[in-house]
Amino acid sequence: MKPETFRLKFTQHQKKTGALWRELVFELRNYLDGWLDGLEVRDFENLKNLMISDQIKRRVAGEVKEHFLDEWGKLVDPLVLAGKIDEYESVRSSRKLHNVRMPERKPLEKVKLPSPRKENKSKFVGKSEHQFWKNSTPKGNWRNENFERRKPTACYICHSTEHLRPNCPQLRKDKPAE
């Protein structure tokens, strides 16, 4: 198998149902060994380079991967990989600047549409506009605040907060003894 195949198996392998965790360790170790042997990683420095290259490869756009498809699995040195990616991106960006022509744009006339807020203001006399149109809580915290403000759980039968429906004493009274 190719080193790239071992890498995929190593990163995506799952524990089989009913299998022991020790079996998973054995399988993962074999996939890692196959990956490292295929790329001739023999020392810690090469392992670090491989890990850095792998992280770079995960962050690169798909079109870059397609461009280097033939040599992608063999690019282990992060500096070589970064140099090739930088070169590719600089060529792509310079080609885009020279080849893309923007058509001349004519300014559009701005037409103001009547705002439904302004037309219907008379309906909300006595209430501030803030209540209807502006969110009073920051966007990131609205779930936390709603969670803290929720109603306490209560029984559906007697509405007590002491217990829930399955443990309701009224439910037990209604059932005949078997």
N, C-alpha and C. Protein backbone atom coordinates (compact mmCIF):
# COMPACT_ATOMS: atom_id res chain seq x y z
N MET A 1 0.84 -1.19 0.00
CA MET A 1 0.00 0.00 0.00
C MET A 1 0.88 1.25 0.00
N LYS A 2 0.32 2.34 -0.51
CA LYS A 2 1.03 3.61 -0.56
C LYS A 2 1.01 4.26 0.83
N PRO A 3 2.00 5.11 1.11
CA PRO A 3 2.02 5.80 2.41
C PRO A 3 0.75 6.62 2.66
N GLU A 4 0.20 7.22 1.60
CA GLU A 4 -1.02 8.02 1.76
C GLU A 4 -2.19 7.15 2.21
N THR A 5 -2.24 5.91 1.73
CA THR A 5 -3.30 4.98 2.15
C THR A 5 -3.15 4.65 3.63
N PHE A 6 -1.90 4.41 4.06
CA PHE A 6 -1.67 4.14 5.48
C PHE A 6 -2.05 5.36 6.33
N ARG A 7 -1.73 6.56 5.83
CA ARG A 7 -2.07 7.77 6.58
C ARG A 7 -3.58 7.90 6.75
N LEU A 8 -4.31 7.66 5.68
CA LEU A 8 -5.78 7.73 5.76
C LEU A 8 -6.32 6.70 6.73
N LYS A 9 -5.80 5.48 6.65
CA LYS A 9 -6.28 4.44 7.56
C LYS A 9 -5.94 4.80 9.01
N PHE A 10 -4.75 5.37 9.22
CA PHE A 10 -4.34 5.76 10.56
C PHE A 10 -5.24 6.85 11.13
N THR A 11 -5.57 7.85 10.32
CA THR A 11 -6.35 8.98 10.83
C THR A 11 -7.84 8.69 10.91
N GLN A 12 -8.35 7.74 10.12
CA GLN A 12 -9.79 7.52 10.07
C GLN A 12 -10.24 6.21 10.68
N HIS A 13 -9.32 5.38 11.14
CA HIS A 13 -9.68 4.06 11.65
C HIS A 13 -10.48 4.16 12.96
N GLN A 14 -11.49 3.34 13.08
CA GLN A 14 -12.36 3.33 14.26
C GLN A 14 -12.29 1.95 14.94
N LYS A 15 -12.59 1.93 16.20
CA LYS A 15 -12.67 0.67 16.95
C LYS A 15 -13.92 -0.07 16.51
N LYS A 16 -13.76 -1.35 16.20
CA LYS A 16 -14.90 -2.15 15.77
C LYS A 16 -15.73 -2.52 17.00
N THR A 17 -17.04 -2.62 16.81
CA THR A 17 -17.90 -3.00 17.94
C THR A 17 -17.54 -4.40 18.40
N GLY A 18 -17.41 -4.55 19.68
CA GLY A 18 -17.06 -5.84 20.26
C GLY A 18 -15.56 -6.09 20.30
N ALA A 19 -14.77 -5.26 19.65
CA ALA A 19 -13.32 -5.45 19.64
C ALA A 19 -12.72 -4.82 20.89
N LEU A 20 -11.56 -5.29 21.24
CA LEU A 20 -10.85 -4.75 22.40
C LEU A 20 -10.09 -3.48 22.00
N TRP A 21 -9.86 -2.62 22.98
CA TRP A 21 -9.09 -1.41 22.73
C TRP A 21 -7.65 -1.75 22.36
N ARG A 22 -7.15 -2.86 22.90
CA ARG A 22 -5.79 -3.29 22.57
C ARG A 22 -5.66 -3.62 21.09
N GLU A 23 -6.73 -4.18 20.52
CA GLU A 23 -6.72 -4.47 19.09
C GLU A 23 -6.64 -3.18 18.28
N LEU A 24 -7.35 -2.16 18.74
CA LEU A 24 -7.31 -0.86 18.06
C LEU A 24 -5.89 -0.29 18.11
N VAL A 25 -5.24 -0.38 19.27
CA VAL A 25 -3.87 0.11 19.40
C VAL A 25 -2.96 -0.63 18.43
N PHE A 26 -3.10 -1.94 18.34
CA PHE A 26 -2.29 -2.75 17.44
C PHE A 26 -2.49 -2.32 15.98
N GLU A 27 -3.76 -2.14 15.58
CA GLU A 27 -4.07 -1.75 14.20
C GLU A 27 -3.53 -0.35 13.90
N LEU A 28 -3.74 0.60 14.83
CA LEU A 28 -3.24 1.95 14.61
C LEU A 28 -1.72 1.98 14.52
N ARG A 29 -1.07 1.19 15.36
CA ARG A 29 0.40 1.14 15.33
C ARG A 29 0.88 0.60 13.98
N ASN A 30 0.20 -0.43 13.45
CA ASN A 30 0.58 -0.97 12.15
C ASN A 30 0.40 0.07 11.04
N TYR A 31 -0.72 0.80 11.07
CA TYR A 31 -0.95 1.83 10.05
C TYR A 31 0.09 2.94 10.15
N LEU A 32 0.42 3.35 11.37
CA LEU A 32 1.43 4.40 11.55
C LEU A 32 2.79 3.92 11.07
N ASP A 33 3.15 2.68 11.41
CA ASP A 33 4.43 2.13 10.95
C ASP A 33 4.48 2.07 9.42
N GLY A 34 3.39 1.65 8.80
CA GLY A 34 3.35 1.60 7.34
C GLY A 34 3.50 2.98 6.72
N TRP A 35 2.87 3.97 7.33
CA TRP A 35 2.95 5.35 6.85
C TRP A 35 4.39 5.87 6.98
N LEU A 36 4.98 5.67 8.16
CA LEU A 36 6.33 6.18 8.41
C LEU A 36 7.37 5.44 7.58
N ASP A 37 7.24 4.12 7.45
CA ASP A 37 8.19 3.35 6.64
C ASP A 37 8.10 3.74 5.17
N GLY A 38 6.89 3.95 4.69
CA GLY A 38 6.70 4.32 3.28
C GLY A 38 7.33 5.67 2.94
N LEU A 39 7.37 6.57 3.91
CA LEU A 39 7.97 7.88 3.68
C LEU A 39 9.41 7.96 4.20
N GLU A 40 9.94 6.81 4.64
CA GLU A 40 11.31 6.69 5.13
C GLU A 40 11.60 7.65 6.27
N VAL A 41 10.69 7.70 7.23
CA VAL A 41 10.89 8.51 8.43
C VAL A 41 11.62 7.62 9.43
N ARG A 42 12.89 8.00 9.72
CA ARG A 42 13.73 7.15 10.57
C ARG A 42 14.10 7.80 11.91
N ASP A 43 13.95 9.12 12.02
CA ASP A 43 14.34 9.77 13.27
C ASP A 43 13.28 10.78 13.69
N PHE A 44 13.48 11.35 14.87
CA PHE A 44 12.50 12.26 15.45
C PHE A 44 12.35 13.53 14.62
N GLU A 45 13.44 14.03 14.06
CA GLU A 45 13.39 15.25 13.24
C GLU A 45 12.51 15.03 12.02
N ASN A 46 12.65 13.90 11.37
CA ASN A 46 11.80 13.59 10.21
C ASN A 46 10.34 13.41 10.62
N LEU A 47 10.11 12.86 11.81
CA LEU A 47 8.74 12.71 12.31
C LEU A 47 8.11 14.08 12.53
N LYS A 48 8.87 15.00 13.12
CA LYS A 48 8.36 16.36 13.32
C LYS A 48 8.03 17.02 11.97
N ASN A 49 8.92 16.86 11.00
CA ASN A 49 8.67 17.42 9.67
C ASN A 49 7.40 16.84 9.06
N LEU A 50 7.21 15.54 9.23
CA LEU A 50 6.02 14.88 8.69
C LEU A 50 4.76 15.43 9.35
N MET A 51 4.80 15.60 10.66
CA MET A 51 3.62 16.11 11.37
C MET A 51 3.30 17.54 10.95
N ILE A 52 4.31 18.37 10.79
CA ILE A 52 4.08 19.76 10.36
C ILE A 52 3.54 19.78 8.94
N SER A 53 4.11 18.97 8.07
CA SER A 53 3.62 18.89 6.68
C SER A 53 2.18 18.43 6.65
N ASP A 54 1.85 17.46 7.48
CA ASP A 54 0.48 16.95 7.51
C ASP A 54 -0.49 18.05 7.94
N GLN A 55 -0.10 18.86 8.91
CA GLN A 55 -0.96 19.96 9.35
C GLN A 55 -1.12 21.01 8.24
N ILE A 56 -0.05 21.29 7.53
CA ILE A 56 -0.14 22.24 6.41
C ILE A 56 -1.07 21.69 5.34
N LYS A 57 -0.92 20.41 5.02
CA LYS A 57 -1.75 19.79 3.98
C LYS A 57 -3.23 19.84 4.34
N ARG A 58 -3.55 19.75 5.62
CA ARG A 58 -4.96 19.80 6.04
C ARG A 58 -5.55 21.20 5.88
N ARG A 59 -4.71 22.22 5.87
CA ARG A 59 -5.19 23.60 5.82
C ARG A 59 -5.20 24.20 4.41
N VAL A 60 -4.68 23.46 3.44
CA VAL A 60 -4.56 23.98 2.08
C VAL A 60 -5.85 23.75 1.30
N ALA A 61 -6.16 24.67 0.40
CA ALA A 61 -7.37 24.56 -0.43
C ALA A 61 -7.29 23.35 -1.35
N GLY A 62 -8.45 22.86 -1.74
CA GLY A 62 -8.55 21.68 -2.59
C GLY A 62 -7.88 21.84 -3.94
N GLU A 63 -7.92 23.04 -4.51
CA GLU A 63 -7.31 23.26 -5.83
C GLU A 63 -5.80 23.11 -5.77
N VAL A 64 -5.19 23.45 -4.62
CA VAL A 64 -3.75 23.28 -4.46
C VAL A 64 -3.42 21.80 -4.39
N LYS A 65 -4.23 21.04 -3.66
CA LYS A 65 -4.01 19.59 -3.58
C LYS A 65 -4.10 18.96 -4.96
N GLU A 66 -5.08 19.38 -5.74
CA GLU A 66 -5.24 18.83 -7.09
C GLU A 66 -4.04 19.17 -7.97
N HIS A 67 -3.50 20.37 -7.81
CA HIS A 67 -2.36 20.78 -8.63
C HIS A 67 -1.13 19.90 -8.35
N PHE A 68 -0.91 19.56 -7.09
CA PHE A 68 0.26 18.75 -6.71
C PHE A 68 -0.11 17.29 -6.50
N LEU A 69 -1.14 16.81 -7.14
CA LEU A 69 -1.68 15.48 -6.90
C LEU A 69 -0.63 14.38 -7.04
N ASP A 70 0.21 14.45 -8.06
CA ASP A 70 1.19 13.38 -8.30
C ASP A 70 2.24 13.29 -7.20
N GLU A 71 2.63 14.41 -6.62
CA GLU A 71 3.69 14.40 -5.62
C GLU A 71 3.19 14.68 -4.20
N TRP A 72 1.88 14.81 -4.01
CA TRP A 72 1.31 15.23 -2.73
C TRP A 72 1.72 14.32 -1.58
N GLY A 73 1.65 13.02 -1.79
CA GLY A 73 1.98 12.08 -0.72
C GLY A 73 3.46 12.04 -0.39
N LYS A 74 4.30 12.45 -1.33
CA LYS A 74 5.75 12.39 -1.13
C LYS A 74 6.31 13.67 -0.51
N LEU A 75 5.52 14.72 -0.46
CA LEU A 75 5.99 15.99 0.11
C LEU A 75 5.98 15.89 1.64
N VAL A 76 7.15 15.61 2.21
CA VAL A 76 7.25 15.40 3.65
C VAL A 76 7.94 16.58 4.33
N ASP A 77 8.87 17.22 3.64
CA ASP A 77 9.60 18.34 4.23
C ASP A 77 8.70 19.58 4.21
N PRO A 78 8.39 20.15 5.39
CA PRO A 78 7.45 21.28 5.42
C PRO A 78 7.97 22.52 4.69
N LEU A 79 9.28 22.74 4.67
CA LEU A 79 9.81 23.91 3.97
C LEU A 79 9.67 23.75 2.46
N VAL A 80 9.91 22.55 1.96
CA VAL A 80 9.73 22.29 0.53
C VAL A 80 8.25 22.45 0.16
N LEU A 81 7.38 21.86 0.99
CA LEU A 81 5.94 21.96 0.76
C LEU A 81 5.48 23.41 0.78
N ALA A 82 5.90 24.16 1.79
CA ALA A 82 5.50 25.56 1.90
C ALA A 82 6.02 26.37 0.72
N GLY A 83 7.24 26.09 0.27
CA GLY A 83 7.80 26.79 -0.88
C GLY A 83 6.98 26.54 -2.14
N LYS A 84 6.58 25.29 -2.36
CA LYS A 84 5.78 24.96 -3.54
C LYS A 84 4.41 25.62 -3.47
N ILE A 85 3.80 25.62 -2.29
CA ILE A 85 2.47 26.23 -2.13
C ILE A 85 2.57 27.74 -2.34
N ASP A 86 3.60 28.38 -1.74
CA ASP A 86 3.78 29.82 -1.92
C ASP A 86 3.98 30.17 -3.39
N GLU A 87 4.81 29.38 -4.07
CA GLU A 87 5.06 29.62 -5.49
C GLU A 87 3.78 29.47 -6.30
N TYR A 88 3.02 28.43 -6.01
CA TYR A 88 1.76 28.20 -6.72
C TYR A 88 0.79 29.37 -6.49
N GLU A 89 0.66 29.80 -5.23
CA GLU A 89 -0.27 30.89 -4.92
C GLU A 89 0.18 32.22 -5.54
N SER A 90 1.49 32.46 -5.59
CA SER A 90 1.95 33.72 -6.19
C SER A 90 1.69 33.71 -7.69
N VAL A 91 1.88 32.57 -8.34
CA VAL A 91 1.59 32.47 -9.78
C VAL A 91 0.10 32.64 -10.01
N ARG A 92 -0.72 31.99 -9.20
CA ARG A 92 -2.17 32.08 -9.36
C ARG A 92 -2.66 33.51 -9.14
N SER A 93 -2.14 34.18 -8.12
CA SER A 93 -2.62 35.53 -7.83
C SER A 93 -2.18 36.51 -8.91
N SER A 94 -0.96 36.35 -9.45
CA SER A 94 -0.51 37.26 -10.51
C SER A 94 -1.27 37.00 -11.80
N ARG A 95 -1.61 35.75 -12.08
CA ARG A 95 -2.40 35.43 -13.28
C ARG A 95 -3.80 36.00 -13.16
N LYS A 96 -4.37 35.94 -11.97
CA LYS A 96 -5.72 36.46 -11.78
C LYS A 96 -5.74 37.98 -11.97
N LEU A 97 -4.70 38.66 -11.51
CA LEU A 97 -4.66 40.12 -11.63
C LEU A 97 -4.53 40.55 -13.09
N HIS A 98 -3.75 39.80 -13.89
CA HIS A 98 -3.53 40.19 -15.28
C HIS A 98 -4.64 39.76 -16.21
N ASN A 99 -5.27 38.65 -15.95
CA ASN A 99 -6.24 38.09 -16.88
C ASN A 99 -7.67 38.55 -16.65
N VAL A 100 -8.01 38.95 -15.47
CA VAL A 100 -9.39 39.28 -15.16
C VAL A 100 -9.66 40.74 -15.49
N ARG A 101 -10.59 40.96 -16.38
CA ARG A 101 -11.00 42.33 -16.71
C ARG A 101 -12.34 42.59 -16.07
N MET A 102 -12.42 43.69 -15.42
CA MET A 102 -13.69 44.07 -14.81
C MET A 102 -14.44 44.95 -15.79
N PRO A 103 -15.68 44.61 -16.12
CA PRO A 103 -16.46 45.47 -17.01
C PRO A 103 -16.78 46.78 -16.30
N GLU A 104 -16.94 47.82 -17.10
CA GLU A 104 -17.27 49.11 -16.51
C GLU A 104 -18.65 49.05 -15.90
N ARG A 105 -18.76 49.60 -14.73
CA ARG A 105 -20.05 49.60 -14.05
C ARG A 105 -20.67 50.98 -14.16
N LYS A 106 -21.93 50.96 -14.46
CA LYS A 106 -22.67 52.22 -14.50
C LYS A 106 -23.35 52.40 -13.15
N PRO A 107 -23.29 53.60 -12.60
CA PRO A 107 -23.95 53.79 -11.31
C PRO A 107 -25.46 53.63 -11.44
N LEU A 108 -26.04 52.93 -10.50
CA LEU A 108 -27.48 52.72 -10.48
C LEU A 108 -28.15 53.85 -9.72
N GLU A 109 -29.34 54.16 -10.16
CA GLU A 109 -30.11 55.16 -9.42
C GLU A 109 -30.67 54.50 -8.18
N LYS A 110 -30.53 55.18 -7.07
CA LYS A 110 -31.04 54.62 -5.83
C LYS A 110 -32.50 55.00 -5.69
N VAL A 111 -33.31 53.99 -5.51
CA VAL A 111 -34.74 54.20 -5.33
C VAL A 111 -35.05 53.85 -3.89
N LYS A 112 -35.64 54.79 -3.15
CA LYS A 112 -35.99 54.51 -1.76
C LYS A 112 -37.36 53.87 -1.71
N LEU A 113 -37.39 52.71 -1.10
CA LEU A 113 -38.66 52.03 -0.91
C LEU A 113 -39.24 52.46 0.43
N PRO A 114 -40.54 52.55 0.52
CA PRO A 114 -41.13 52.93 1.81
C PRO A 114 -40.85 51.84 2.85
N SER A 115 -40.47 52.25 4.02
CA SER A 115 -40.15 51.32 5.09
C SER A 115 -41.40 50.92 5.85
N PRO A 116 -41.62 49.61 6.06
CA PRO A 116 -42.80 49.21 6.83
C PRO A 116 -42.73 49.68 8.28
N ARG A 117 -41.53 49.90 8.80
CA ARG A 117 -41.40 50.38 10.17
C ARG A 117 -41.98 51.78 10.32
N LYS A 118 -41.69 52.64 9.35
CA LYS A 118 -42.13 54.02 9.45
C LYS A 118 -43.63 54.14 9.20
N GLU A 119 -44.16 53.31 8.30
CA GLU A 119 -45.59 53.38 8.00
C GLU A 119 -46.44 52.93 9.17
N ASN A 120 -45.99 51.92 9.91
CA ASN A 120 -46.80 51.32 10.95
C ASN A 120 -46.43 51.79 12.35
N LYS A 121 -45.74 52.91 12.48
CA LYS A 121 -45.33 53.37 13.81
C LYS A 121 -46.51 53.69 14.70
N SER A 122 -47.61 54.10 14.12
CA SER A 122 -48.76 54.49 14.93
C SER A 122 -49.34 53.30 15.70
N LYS A 123 -49.11 52.09 15.23
CA LYS A 123 -49.62 50.90 15.91
C LYS A 123 -48.93 50.66 17.25
N PHE A 124 -47.69 51.13 17.37
CA PHE A 124 -46.91 50.82 18.55
C PHE A 124 -46.81 51.99 19.51
N VAL A 125 -47.82 52.81 19.57
CA VAL A 125 -47.80 53.96 20.47
C VAL A 125 -47.75 53.44 21.90
N GLY A 126 -46.84 53.99 22.69
CA GLY A 126 -46.73 53.58 24.09
C GLY A 126 -45.66 52.51 24.30
N LYS A 127 -45.20 51.87 23.25
CA LYS A 127 -44.14 50.86 23.38
C LYS A 127 -42.92 51.38 22.65
N SER A 128 -41.79 51.15 23.22
CA SER A 128 -40.59 51.67 22.58
C SER A 128 -40.22 50.81 21.38
N GLU A 129 -39.62 51.46 20.41
CA GLU A 129 -39.21 50.75 19.21
C GLU A 129 -38.13 49.72 19.56
N HIS A 130 -37.40 49.98 20.60
CA HIS A 130 -36.33 49.08 21.01
C HIS A 130 -36.84 47.67 21.26
N GLN A 131 -38.02 47.52 21.81
CA GLN A 131 -38.56 46.20 22.11
C GLN A 131 -38.77 45.37 20.85
N PHE A 132 -39.14 46.00 19.76
CA PHE A 132 -39.51 45.26 18.57
C PHE A 132 -38.38 45.08 17.58
N TRP A 133 -37.51 46.05 17.46
CA TRP A 133 -36.57 46.02 16.36
C TRP A 133 -35.14 45.74 16.77
N LYS A 134 -34.81 45.90 18.00
CA LYS A 134 -33.42 45.71 18.41
C LYS A 134 -33.34 44.56 19.40
N ASN A 135 -32.30 43.78 19.24
CA ASN A 135 -32.07 42.67 20.14
C ASN A 135 -31.33 43.20 21.37
N SER A 136 -31.88 43.03 22.53
CA SER A 136 -31.28 43.60 23.74
C SER A 136 -30.10 42.79 24.24
N THR A 137 -29.98 41.53 23.84
CA THR A 137 -28.87 40.71 24.31
C THR A 137 -27.84 40.56 23.20
N PRO A 138 -26.58 40.43 23.56
CA PRO A 138 -25.57 40.18 22.53
C PRO A 138 -25.83 38.81 21.89
N LYS A 139 -25.44 38.68 20.63
CA LYS A 139 -25.75 37.46 19.89
C LYS A 139 -25.15 36.21 20.51
N GLY A 140 -23.98 36.31 21.11
CA GLY A 140 -23.33 35.13 21.64
C GLY A 140 -23.97 34.57 22.90
N ASN A 141 -24.70 35.38 23.67
CA ASN A 141 -25.18 34.95 24.98
C ASN A 141 -26.66 34.62 25.02
N TRP A 142 -27.39 34.75 23.94
CA TRP A 142 -28.84 34.59 24.02
C TRP A 142 -29.24 33.18 24.43
N ARG A 143 -28.49 32.16 24.05
CA ARG A 143 -28.84 30.79 24.45
C ARG A 143 -28.63 30.60 25.95
N ASN A 144 -27.52 31.09 26.45
CA ASN A 144 -27.25 30.95 27.88
C ASN A 144 -28.33 31.64 28.71
N GLU A 145 -28.70 32.85 28.29
CA GLU A 145 -29.71 33.59 29.04
C GLU A 145 -31.07 32.90 28.97
N ASN A 146 -31.42 32.39 27.79
CA ASN A 146 -32.69 31.67 27.66
C ASN A 146 -32.68 30.39 28.48
N PHE A 147 -31.53 29.73 28.55
CA PHE A 147 -31.42 28.51 29.33
C PHE A 147 -31.64 28.81 30.81
N GLU A 148 -31.06 29.90 31.28
CA GLU A 148 -31.20 30.25 32.69
C GLU A 148 -32.61 30.71 33.02
N ARG A 149 -33.35 31.26 32.05
CA ARG A 149 -34.68 31.79 32.31
C ARG A 149 -35.78 30.76 32.08
N ARG A 150 -35.47 29.54 31.69
CA ARG A 150 -36.53 28.60 31.36
C ARG A 150 -37.32 28.18 32.59
N LYS A 151 -38.54 27.70 32.35
CA LYS A 151 -39.42 27.30 33.44
C LYS A 151 -38.90 26.04 34.11
N PRO A 152 -39.12 25.90 35.41
CA PRO A 152 -38.73 24.64 36.06
C PRO A 152 -39.62 23.51 35.57
N THR A 153 -39.08 22.30 35.54
CA THR A 153 -39.88 21.17 35.08
C THR A 153 -40.99 20.88 36.08
N ALA A 154 -42.12 20.48 35.54
CA ALA A 154 -43.28 20.21 36.40
C ALA A 154 -44.02 18.99 35.87
N CYS A 155 -44.80 18.39 36.73
CA CYS A 155 -45.62 17.23 36.39
C CYS A 155 -46.75 17.66 35.46
N TYR A 156 -47.04 16.86 34.43
CA TYR A 156 -48.12 17.17 33.49
C TYR A 156 -49.50 16.89 34.09
N ILE A 157 -49.57 16.08 35.12
CA ILE A 157 -50.86 15.71 35.72
C ILE A 157 -51.29 16.75 36.76
N CYS A 158 -50.44 16.97 37.79
CA CYS A 158 -50.84 17.85 38.89
C CYS A 158 -50.08 19.18 38.90
N HIS A 159 -49.16 19.39 37.97
CA HIS A 159 -48.37 20.61 37.82
C HIS A 159 -47.45 20.90 39.00
N SER A 160 -47.10 19.91 39.76
CA SER A 160 -46.18 20.07 40.88
C SER A 160 -44.74 20.05 40.35
N THR A 161 -43.88 20.84 40.98
CA THR A 161 -42.47 20.82 40.60
C THR A 161 -41.68 19.83 41.46
N GLU A 162 -42.36 19.14 42.36
CA GLU A 162 -41.72 18.16 43.25
C GLU A 162 -41.36 16.87 42.51
N HIS A 163 -42.11 16.53 41.47
CA HIS A 163 -41.90 15.27 40.75
C HIS A 163 -42.34 15.45 39.30
N LEU A 164 -42.07 14.43 38.48
CA LEU A 164 -42.52 14.42 37.08
C LEU A 164 -43.65 13.41 36.92
N ARG A 165 -44.26 13.37 35.74
CA ARG A 165 -45.45 12.56 35.48
C ARG A 165 -45.30 11.08 35.89
N PRO A 166 -44.20 10.40 35.56
CA PRO A 166 -44.13 8.97 35.91
C PRO A 166 -44.24 8.69 37.41
N ASN A 167 -43.86 9.67 38.24
CA ASN A 167 -43.90 9.48 39.69
C ASN A 167 -45.07 10.21 40.35
N CYS A 168 -46.04 10.62 39.59
CA CYS A 168 -47.15 11.40 40.13
C CYS A 168 -48.05 10.52 41.02
N PRO A 169 -48.35 10.97 42.25
CA PRO A 169 -49.22 10.20 43.14
C PRO A 169 -50.65 10.12 42.60
N GLN A 170 -51.12 11.14 41.90
CA GLN A 170 -52.47 11.10 41.33
C GLN A 170 -52.58 10.04 40.25
N LEU A 171 -51.53 9.83 39.51
CA LEU A 171 -51.53 8.81 38.46
C LEU A 171 -51.64 7.43 39.09
N ARG A 172 -51.00 7.23 40.22
CA ARG A 172 -51.06 5.94 40.92
C ARG A 172 -52.45 5.69 41.50
N LYS A 173 -53.12 6.76 41.96
CA LYS A 173 -54.47 6.62 42.54
C LYS A 173 -55.47 6.20 41.47
N ASP A 174 -55.31 6.73 40.25
CA ASP A 174 -56.26 6.44 39.18
C ASP A 174 -56.15 5.01 38.67
N LYS A 175 -54.97 4.40 38.77
CA LYS A 175 -54.80 3.03 38.26
C LYS A 175 -55.39 2.04 39.26
N PRO A 176 -56.18 1.09 38.80
CA PRO A 176 -56.69 0.05 39.71
C PRO A 176 -55.57 -0.92 40.07
N ALA A 177 -55.61 -1.44 41.26
CA ALA A 177 -54.59 -2.40 41.71
C ALA A 177 -54.73 -3.69 40.94
N GLU A 178 -53.64 -4.23 40.48
CA GLU A 178 -53.69 -5.46 39.68
C GLU A 178 -53.40 -6.66 40.51
